[in-house]
Amino acid sequence: MSNMENELKQLIIDCLDLEDLSVDDINSEEALFNEGLGLDSIDALELGLAIRKKYDVRIDADKDDVVNIFASVTALAQFIESEQTGKV
């Protein structure tokens, strides 16, 4: 598990007030929405804003691959890392 994944898990917990969860409770490969962690579209907006603020990475809701970006913590970490690499 990467450091970015752990940071994202903590960000999810903090920005969505999931006080009953810890970083260890979130599986990096588990779906973030529906049957997985159970997030909804409002959570996605809040998480997207938190990611933009913390990592200076914008996730465009109109992108065709936004579902894939938010598929799991691992997918989200890979997207952020690839976006940050592209800004250097």
C-alpha atoms as a PDB file:
ATOM      1  CA  MET A   1       0.000   0.000   0.000  1.00  0.00           C
ATOM      2  CA  SER A   2       1.431   3.345  -1.031  1.00  0.00           C
ATOM      3  CA  ASN A   3       1.781   6.416   1.118  1.00  0.00           C
ATOM      4  CA  MET A   4      -0.588   8.218  -1.284  1.00  0.00           C
ATOM      5  CA  GLU A   5      -3.256   5.567  -0.673  1.00  0.00           C
ATOM      6  CA  ASN A   6      -2.973   6.029   3.097  1.00  0.00           C
ATOM      7  CA  GLU A   7      -3.159   9.808   2.693  1.00  0.00           C
ATOM      8  CA  LEU A   8      -6.273   9.445   0.540  1.00  0.00           C
ATOM      9  CA  LYS A   9      -7.924   7.121   3.032  1.00  0.00           C
ATOM     10  CA  GLN A  10      -7.331   9.661   5.792  1.00  0.00           C
ATOM     11  CA  LEU A  11      -8.608  12.442   3.528  1.00  0.00           C
ATOM     12  CA  ILE A  12     -11.789  10.448   2.835  1.00  0.00           C
ATOM     13  CA  ILE A  13     -12.309   9.888   6.555  1.00  0.00           C
ATOM     14  CA  ASP A  14     -11.661  13.535   7.437  1.00  0.00           C
ATOM     15  CA  CYS A  15     -13.544  15.330   4.672  1.00  0.00           C
ATOM     16  CA  LEU A  16     -16.588  13.036   4.821  1.00  0.00           C
ATOM     17  CA  ASP A  17     -16.673  12.820   8.634  1.00  0.00           C
ATOM     18  CA  LEU A  18     -16.433   9.025   8.660  1.00  0.00           C
ATOM     19  CA  GLU A  19     -15.376   9.003  12.306  1.00  0.00           C
ATOM     20  CA  ASP A  20     -16.226   5.334  12.815  1.00  0.00           C
ATOM     21  CA  LEU A  21     -13.635   4.250  10.213  1.00  0.00           C
ATOM     22  CA  SER A  22      -9.854   4.090  10.359  1.00  0.00           C
ATOM     23  CA  VAL A  23      -7.345   3.959   7.521  1.00  0.00           C
ATOM     24  CA  ASP A  24      -7.009   0.210   8.118  1.00  0.00           C
ATOM     25  CA  ASP A  25     -10.764  -0.289   7.678  1.00  0.00           C
ATOM     26  CA  ILE A  26     -10.677   0.908   4.057  1.00  0.00           C
ATOM     27  CA  ASN A  27      -9.537  -1.613   1.464  1.00  0.00           C
ATOM     28  CA  SER A  28      -7.571   0.155  -1.295  1.00  0.00           C
ATOM     29  CA  GLU A  29      -9.130  -2.055  -3.974  1.00  0.00           C
ATOM     30  CA  GLU A  30     -12.707  -1.806  -2.682  1.00  0.00           C
ATOM     31  CA  ALA A  31     -15.233   0.247  -4.632  1.00  0.00           C
ATOM     32  CA  LEU A  32     -15.756   3.716  -3.190  1.00  0.00           C
ATOM     33  CA  PHE A  33     -19.388   3.913  -4.293  1.00  0.00           C
ATOM     34  CA  ASN A  34     -22.462   1.693  -4.052  1.00  0.00           C
ATOM     35  CA  GLU A  35     -21.615  -1.774  -2.734  1.00  0.00           C
ATOM     36  CA  GLY A  36     -18.144  -0.826  -1.523  1.00  0.00           C
ATOM     37  CA  LEU A  37     -17.561   2.046   0.874  1.00  0.00           C
ATOM     38  CA  GLY A  38     -21.028   3.347   0.032  1.00  0.00           C
ATOM     39  CA  LEU A  39     -20.192   6.905  -0.989  1.00  0.00           C
ATOM     40  CA  ASP A  40     -22.680   8.932  -3.037  1.00  0.00           C
ATOM     41  CA  SER A  41     -22.517  11.798  -5.547  1.00  0.00           C
ATOM     42  CA  ILE A  42     -22.418  14.474  -2.824  1.00  0.00           C
ATOM     43  CA  ASP A  43     -19.481  12.644  -1.230  1.00  0.00           C
ATOM     44  CA  ALA A  44     -17.762  12.623  -4.636  1.00  0.00           C
ATOM     45  CA  LEU A  45     -18.108  16.400  -4.916  1.00  0.00           C
ATOM     46  CA  GLU A  46     -16.747  16.938  -1.410  1.00  0.00           C
ATOM     47  CA  LEU A  47     -13.895  14.517  -1.998  1.00  0.00           C
ATOM     48  CA  GLY A  48     -13.080  16.129  -5.357  1.00  0.00           C
ATOM     49  CA  LEU A  49     -12.837  19.554  -3.698  1.00  0.00           C
ATOM     50  CA  ALA A  50     -10.642  18.178  -0.910  1.00  0.00           C
ATOM     51  CA  ILE A  51      -8.334  16.536  -3.478  1.00  0.00           C
ATOM     52  CA  ARG A  52      -8.109  19.760  -5.447  1.00  0.00           C
ATOM     53  CA  LYS A  53      -7.214  21.705  -2.294  1.00  0.00           C
ATOM     54  CA  LYS A  54      -4.666  19.198  -0.958  1.00  0.00           C
ATOM     55  CA  TYR A  55      -3.033  17.967  -4.165  1.00  0.00           C
ATOM     56  CA  ASP A  56      -3.791  20.785  -6.638  1.00  0.00           C
ATOM     57  CA  VAL A  57      -5.362  18.204  -8.956  1.00  0.00           C
ATOM     58  CA  ARG A  58      -8.723  18.872 -10.575  1.00  0.00           C
ATOM     59  CA  ILE A  59     -11.040  15.982 -11.371  1.00  0.00           C
ATOM     60  CA  ASP A  60     -13.449  17.086 -14.079  1.00  0.00           C
ATOM     61  CA  ALA A  61     -16.890  15.570 -13.436  1.00  0.00           C
ATOM     62  CA  ASP A  62     -17.602  15.719 -17.176  1.00  0.00           C
ATOM     63  CA  LYS A  63     -14.676  13.449 -18.084  1.00  0.00           C
ATOM     64  CA  ASP A  64     -15.658  10.093 -19.534  1.00  0.00           C
ATOM     65  CA  ASP A  65     -13.317   8.268 -17.173  1.00  0.00           C
ATOM     66  CA  VAL A  66     -14.446   9.946 -13.925  1.00  0.00           C
ATOM     67  CA  VAL A  67     -16.112   6.679 -12.858  1.00  0.00           C
ATOM     68  CA  ASN A  68     -12.795   4.871 -13.316  1.00  0.00           C
ATOM     69  CA  ILE A  69     -10.899   7.589 -11.427  1.00  0.00           C
ATOM     70  CA  PHE A  70     -13.198   7.212  -8.410  1.00  0.00           C
ATOM     71  CA  ALA A  71     -13.405   3.409  -8.696  1.00  0.00           C
ATOM     72  CA  SER A  72     -11.161   2.756  -5.683  1.00  0.00           C
ATOM     73  CA  VAL A  73      -8.508   4.353  -3.495  1.00  0.00           C
ATOM     74  CA  THR A  74      -5.857   2.719  -5.679  1.00  0.00           C
ATOM     75  CA  ALA A  75      -7.340   4.165  -8.881  1.00  0.00           C
ATOM     76  CA  LEU A  76      -7.652   7.595  -7.296  1.00  0.00           C
ATOM     77  CA  ALA A  77      -4.040   7.503  -6.068  1.00  0.00           C
ATOM     78  CA  GLN A  78      -2.787   6.500  -9.521  1.00  0.00           C
ATOM     79  CA  PHE A  79      -4.741   9.335 -11.151  1.00  0.00           C
ATOM     80  CA  ILE A  80      -3.427  11.956  -8.696  1.00  0.00           C
ATOM     81  CA  GLU A  81       0.147  10.733  -9.041  1.00  0.00           C
ATOM     82  CA  SER A  82      -0.073  10.781 -12.847  1.00  0.00           C
ATOM     83  CA  GLU A  83      -1.548  14.296 -12.810  1.00  0.00           C
ATOM     84  CA  GLN A  84       1.157  15.563 -10.455  1.00  0.00           C
ATOM     85  CA  THR A  85       3.878  14.005 -12.587  1.00  0.00           C
ATOM     86  CA  GLY A  86       2.457  15.756 -15.642  1.00  0.00           C
ATOM     87  CA  LYS A  87       2.641  19.171 -13.905  1.00  0.00           C
ATOM     88  CA  VAL A  88       6.353  18.965 -13.180  1.00  0.00           C
END
